[in-house]
Each structure stands twice: as structure tokens, then as C-alpha cells.
Amino acid sequence: MQERVQKILAAYGIASRRKAEELIRQGRVTVNGAICVLGAVADPDGDTIAVDGVPLGDAGQRVYILLNKPRGYLTTVSDDRGRKTVMELVDCGQRVFPVGRLDMDSEGLLLLTNDGDWANSILHPAKEVEKTYLVWLSCCTESRIQQMAQPVTLDGYRIKKPELKVLSLEGDRARILVTIHEGRNRQIRRMAELSGMTVTRLRRIREGVLELGKLPVGQWRYLTNQEIQNLAEGHK
């Protein structure tokens, strides 16, 4: 499938979309040996795309990583403003990129890889990979929590009914488990806001078959072959 070259470069973790556009303007990107121009499209499966003469397919062995992301780190390959990114936490000898996102103020399970096809298969909406979060809330009441458990429309998209489990409710503060089927931008925070509550802390603890477990904050591990396969097949 053909896509804009700067989007392909970003998907492969070469650079952010903006930085990829700059690489193209500098004439450092080629497609099938010809210098690429901004706005050009290519097929990553059928065309040879190279940066500084190095084809994307020559990145080395494929790696699949689970990171326990701390708060305060951006889920991106680079940042023009010099803020900390998750790339500073992963030193695996390969150039990897995040699969999906966690907000800068969110923490927990985050996948990284250098396999663009695998990443796209995980993110495909048809997979509906379930994600579970441990969420701390303020301004809570029982009725507001029940309201948060109802499907709402975000960005013109009607989300599926989330699964909520209250772990504790003391005064106006609560700790709950939330399982969602989508990954809309800041979805849980917006769901809480629509119900009159505020998320004070959010940790992703499960994605599909993967669980964060006891992996220390800021640490990472490789996925097993079975985990890689199960995620790609859409097992929940």
C-alpha cells in the first residue's frame, strides 16, 4: 500500500514526521535510487526506501520490546523542544519506535519495535486489542463513575462500552480499573472529564495478552515469540 514517504519514515522510527520532511528536503531520502521529493508516495513492501543510502530493510534483526514507561517522558522518537522521550530508556542496539502512545503524564505498558508491519497490525482498528488501565480519580461520586462506564462519542467516533471495576472509593477520590477497546487520543482522561471527574494518575497494566506485571518503572524486556505472535493475531 502506498503512503507518503515521510509517514513511512516516521512509522519505521527513523524520525518524527516533521524531521522526516526535513530529511526529504535535504535530499537525503531516495526511493528506488531516485531522490525523493516532499509529498511523494511509496510502497514500503515493494519499493526500496533509503536514508543516507541505507535501506529501511537493513535495520538489522527485528526486536519487540515491552517498556514500563515512567511519567514525564514523551512517547515519540524525538522532540524539537528537547524534552525527555522514551527512546532514552531503551538501549537494545537497534533503532526502535513506539507502537501507539501513552501521554507524557501517563505511565505503564508501552510497546516498541523496529518492525513496521507488526506495529501496523497491532494498531489496526479491526484488531480492537483490549487495554486495561489502573486509574486514580478525583471529584468522584458513585453516579459519576457509573456515568463513565457508558459509551460516549469522541472525535465523531462512538466508543464501545468500557469495563470499569472500582477498587476503592474514599471521599471524592477513587481508584478504578478501566478496560477499553480503542485508543482514541487521551481517551480515558476525556471519558472522566465528560463525567465531571479528573484523572490524577493513569497506568496501563495490560494490552491484549501482555501484562505489565512486576517490571520495574523505567525498565524494559523483550517479548517472547508467543507474545509477539499472539499480539499480531489479535488475541485479547
Protein backbone atom coordinates (compact mmCIF):
# COMPACT_ATOMS: atom_id res chain seq x y z
CA MET A 1 0.00 0.00 0.00
CA GLN A 2 1.40 3.38 -0.98
CA GLU A 3 1.82 6.06 1.66
CA ARG A 4 3.62 9.38 1.90
CA VAL A 5 7.31 8.76 2.38
CA GLN A 6 7.55 10.96 5.48
CA LYS A 7 4.83 8.85 7.11
CA ILE A 8 6.73 5.66 6.30
CA LEU A 9 9.94 7.05 7.78
CA ALA A 10 8.09 8.01 10.96
CA ALA A 11 6.49 4.55 11.19
CA TYR A 12 9.92 2.93 10.95
CA GLY A 13 11.25 5.12 13.73
CA ILE A 14 13.72 6.96 11.54
CA ALA A 15 12.49 10.37 12.68
CA SER A 16 9.35 12.26 13.66
CA ARG A 17 7.07 13.25 10.77
CA ARG A 18 8.45 16.79 10.83
CA LYS A 19 12.07 15.63 10.93
CA ALA A 20 11.36 13.16 8.12
CA GLU A 21 10.09 16.01 5.96
CA GLU A 22 13.34 17.86 6.62
CA LEU A 23 15.38 14.80 5.60
CA ILE A 24 13.45 14.73 2.32
CA ARG A 25 14.01 18.45 1.71
CA GLN A 26 17.74 17.90 2.27
CA GLY A 27 17.79 15.26 -0.46
CA ARG A 28 18.87 12.52 1.94
CA VAL A 29 15.98 10.17 1.12
CA THR A 30 15.75 8.05 -2.02
CA VAL A 31 13.06 5.78 -3.45
CA ASN A 32 14.34 3.08 -5.80
CA GLY A 33 17.56 5.06 -6.20
CA ALA A 34 15.90 8.37 -7.11
CA ILE A 35 15.99 11.36 -4.77
CA CYS A 36 12.63 11.72 -3.09
CA VAL A 37 10.64 14.96 -3.10
CA LEU A 38 8.28 16.13 -0.39
CA GLY A 39 4.80 14.73 -0.90
CA ALA A 40 5.99 11.66 -2.82
CA VAL A 41 4.41 8.30 -2.07
CA ALA A 42 5.90 4.82 -1.97
CA ASP A 43 5.10 1.26 -1.02
CA PRO A 44 7.35 0.11 1.87
CA ASP A 45 6.80 -3.52 0.84
CA GLY A 46 7.62 -3.07 -2.85
CA ASP A 47 9.89 -0.03 -3.07
CA THR A 48 13.43 0.44 -1.78
CA ILE A 49 13.40 3.46 0.52
CA ALA A 50 16.77 4.60 1.85
CA VAL A 51 18.06 7.34 4.14
CA ASP A 52 21.65 8.41 3.51
CA GLY A 53 21.99 5.36 1.31
CA VAL A 54 20.84 2.86 3.96
CA PRO A 55 17.64 0.98 3.03
CA LEU A 56 14.94 0.75 5.68
CA GLY A 57 15.01 -3.02 5.41
CA ASP A 58 18.64 -3.12 6.54
CA ALA A 59 17.89 -2.10 10.11
CA GLY A 60 19.12 -5.45 11.46
CA GLN A 61 17.20 -8.11 13.36
CA ARG A 62 13.65 -7.36 14.40
CA VAL A 63 13.12 -6.62 18.07
CA TYR A 64 9.94 -6.39 20.13
CA ILE A 65 10.08 -4.66 23.50
CA LEU A 66 7.80 -4.02 26.47
CA LEU A 67 8.72 -0.91 28.47
CA ASN A 68 7.33 0.22 31.82
CA LYS A 69 7.14 3.89 30.86
CA PRO A 70 7.57 6.42 33.69
CA ARG A 71 5.64 9.66 33.86
CA GLY A 72 7.37 12.67 32.35
CA TYR A 73 8.56 11.00 29.14
CA LEU A 74 7.15 11.67 25.68
CA THR A 75 6.10 8.68 23.60
CA THR A 76 7.95 9.74 20.48
CA VAL A 77 11.24 9.15 18.72
CA SER A 78 12.46 12.74 19.11
CA ASP A 79 11.27 16.11 20.38
CA ASP A 80 12.06 19.51 18.89
CA ARG A 81 11.83 21.11 22.33
CA GLY A 82 14.42 18.87 23.95
CA ARG A 83 12.03 17.10 26.31
CA LYS A 84 12.71 13.56 27.52
CA THR A 85 11.47 10.75 25.28
CA VAL A 86 11.05 7.01 25.85
CA MET A 87 13.96 6.42 23.47
CA GLU A 88 16.32 7.46 26.27
CA LEU A 89 15.15 4.44 28.28
CA VAL A 90 15.71 1.72 25.66
CA ASP A 91 19.21 0.72 24.57
CA CYS A 92 18.82 -2.51 22.61
CA GLY A 93 21.33 -1.98 19.80
CA GLN A 94 18.57 -1.39 17.26
CA ARG A 95 16.67 1.71 16.20
CA VAL A 96 13.13 1.18 17.51
CA PHE A 97 9.97 3.26 17.71
CA PRO A 98 6.87 3.26 19.95
CA VAL A 99 3.77 1.29 18.98
CA GLY A 100 0.86 3.58 19.84
CA ARG A 101 1.07 6.22 22.54
CA LEU A 102 0.95 6.98 26.21
CA ASP A 103 0.56 10.61 27.28
CA MET A 104 3.56 12.33 28.83
CA ASP A 105 1.77 12.25 32.20
CA SER A 106 0.74 8.60 31.84
CA GLU A 107 2.80 5.54 32.69
CA GLY A 108 2.94 1.81 32.28
CA LEU A 109 2.99 -0.72 29.46
CA LEU A 110 4.38 0.58 26.16
CA LEU A 111 5.48 -1.47 23.17
CA LEU A 112 8.44 -0.60 20.95
CA THR A 113 9.75 -2.32 17.82
CA ASN A 114 11.59 -1.82 14.55
CA ASP A 115 9.05 -3.95 12.66
CA GLY A 116 6.71 -1.53 10.89
CA ASP A 117 4.38 -4.23 9.55
CA TRP A 118 3.95 -5.77 13.01
CA ALA A 119 3.32 -2.35 14.55
CA ASN A 120 0.66 -1.55 11.96
CA SER A 121 -1.02 -4.90 12.59
CA ILE A 122 -1.22 -4.15 16.31
CA LEU A 123 -2.64 -0.67 15.74
CA HIS A 124 -5.21 -1.68 13.11
CA PRO A 125 -8.69 -0.71 14.37
CA ALA A 126 -10.12 -4.08 13.32
CA LYS A 127 -7.99 -5.83 15.96
CA GLU A 128 -9.68 -3.98 18.86
CA VAL A 129 -6.91 -5.06 21.21
CA GLU A 130 -8.18 -4.55 24.77
CA LYS A 131 -6.17 -2.28 27.04
CA THR A 132 -6.57 -2.13 30.81
CA TYR A 133 -5.56 0.86 32.95
CA LEU A 134 -5.25 1.50 36.65
CA VAL A 135 -6.75 4.95 37.10
CA TRP A 136 -6.73 7.36 40.03
CA LEU A 137 -9.61 9.88 40.03
CA SER A 138 -10.65 12.99 41.93
CA CYS A 139 -14.05 14.76 42.15
CA CYS A 140 -15.69 11.32 42.30
CA THR A 141 -19.16 10.14 43.17
CA GLU A 142 -20.71 6.74 42.55
CA SER A 143 -23.03 8.22 39.93
CA ARG A 144 -20.14 9.88 38.07
CA ILE A 145 -18.21 6.61 38.00
CA GLN A 146 -21.30 4.84 36.64
CA GLN A 147 -21.62 7.56 34.01
CA MET A 148 -18.00 6.99 32.96
CA ALA A 149 -18.87 3.34 32.30
CA GLN A 150 -21.24 4.36 29.50
CA PRO A 151 -20.19 4.62 25.82
CA VAL A 152 -19.64 8.17 24.56
CA THR A 153 -18.72 9.83 21.27
CA LEU A 154 -15.14 11.08 20.92
CA ASP A 155 -13.91 12.78 17.74
CA GLY A 156 -17.09 11.69 15.98
CA TYR A 157 -16.48 8.05 16.93
CA ARG A 158 -18.81 6.12 19.23
CA ILE A 159 -16.61 4.09 21.55
CA LYS A 160 -17.64 0.69 22.84
CA LYS A 161 -18.88 0.35 26.39
CA PRO A 162 -15.79 0.31 28.65
CA GLU A 163 -15.41 -2.14 31.54
CA LEU A 164 -14.97 -0.47 34.94
CA LYS A 165 -14.15 -2.00 38.31
CA VAL A 166 -13.99 0.16 41.43
CA LEU A 167 -11.06 -0.81 43.64
CA SER A 168 -11.55 1.93 46.24
CA LEU A 169 -13.74 4.99 46.81
CA GLU A 170 -12.87 7.26 49.72
CA GLY A 171 -14.42 10.69 49.90
CA ASP A 172 -14.21 12.23 46.45
CA ARG A 173 -11.24 10.10 45.36
CA ALA A 174 -11.31 6.68 43.70
CA ARG A 175 -9.05 4.06 42.21
CA ILE A 176 -10.54 2.03 39.39
CA LEU A 177 -9.64 -0.42 36.63
CA VAL A 178 -10.77 0.60 33.13
CA THR A 179 -10.66 -1.66 30.08
CA ILE A 180 -11.20 -0.06 26.67
CA HIS A 181 -11.27 -1.44 23.13
CA GLU A 182 -9.99 1.59 21.26
CA GLY A 183 -7.12 4.01 21.64
CA ARG A 184 -8.54 7.46 20.99
CA ASN A 185 -6.35 10.42 21.93
CA ARG A 186 -6.37 10.83 25.74
CA GLN A 187 -9.46 8.62 25.77
CA ILE A 188 -9.72 7.75 29.46
CA ARG A 189 -8.92 11.28 30.60
CA ARG A 190 -11.62 12.65 28.32
CA MET A 191 -14.11 10.00 29.45
CA ALA A 192 -13.51 11.08 33.04
CA GLU A 193 -13.82 14.78 32.20
CA LEU A 194 -17.16 14.19 30.46
CA SER A 195 -18.35 12.57 33.71
CA GLY A 196 -17.19 15.50 35.86
CA MET A 197 -14.06 13.80 37.22
CA THR A 198 -10.31 14.33 36.84
CA VAL A 199 -7.65 11.69 36.25
CA THR A 200 -4.78 12.34 38.67
CA ARG A 201 -2.74 9.30 37.67
CA LEU A 202 -3.01 6.68 34.93
CA ARG A 203 -1.05 3.46 34.39
CA ARG A 204 -1.55 1.00 31.55
CA ILE A 205 -1.20 -2.51 33.01
CA ARG A 206 -2.40 -4.74 30.16
CA GLU A 207 -2.54 -4.73 26.37
CA GLY A 208 -4.06 -7.78 24.75
CA VAL A 209 -2.30 -10.83 26.19
CA LEU A 210 0.52 -8.75 27.66
CA GLU A 211 0.59 -7.73 31.30
CA LEU A 212 2.95 -5.20 32.87
CA GLY A 213 3.48 -7.46 35.86
CA LYS A 214 6.34 -6.57 38.20
CA LEU A 215 8.60 -4.96 35.60
CA PRO A 216 10.23 -2.00 37.39
CA VAL A 217 9.45 1.54 36.29
CA GLY A 218 11.80 2.67 33.54
CA GLN A 219 12.89 -0.90 32.73
CA TRP A 220 12.17 -2.98 29.62
CA ARG A 221 12.23 -6.57 28.43
CA TYR A 222 11.99 -8.42 25.11
CA LEU A 223 8.70 -10.05 24.19
CA THR A 224 8.60 -13.81 23.85
CA ASN A 225 7.90 -15.34 20.44
CA GLN A 226 4.47 -16.43 21.68
CA GLU A 227 3.63 -12.91 22.85
CA ILE A 228 4.70 -11.46 19.50
CA GLN A 229 2.53 -13.93 17.61
CA ASN A 230 -0.50 -13.55 19.88
CA LEU A 231 -0.48 -9.77 19.58
CA ALA A 232 -0.18 -9.89 15.80
CA GLU A 233 -3.09 -12.33 15.64
CA GLY A 234 -5.23 -10.07 17.79
CA HIS A 235 -5.59 -12.30 20.84
CA LYS A 236 -7.14 -10.42 23.77
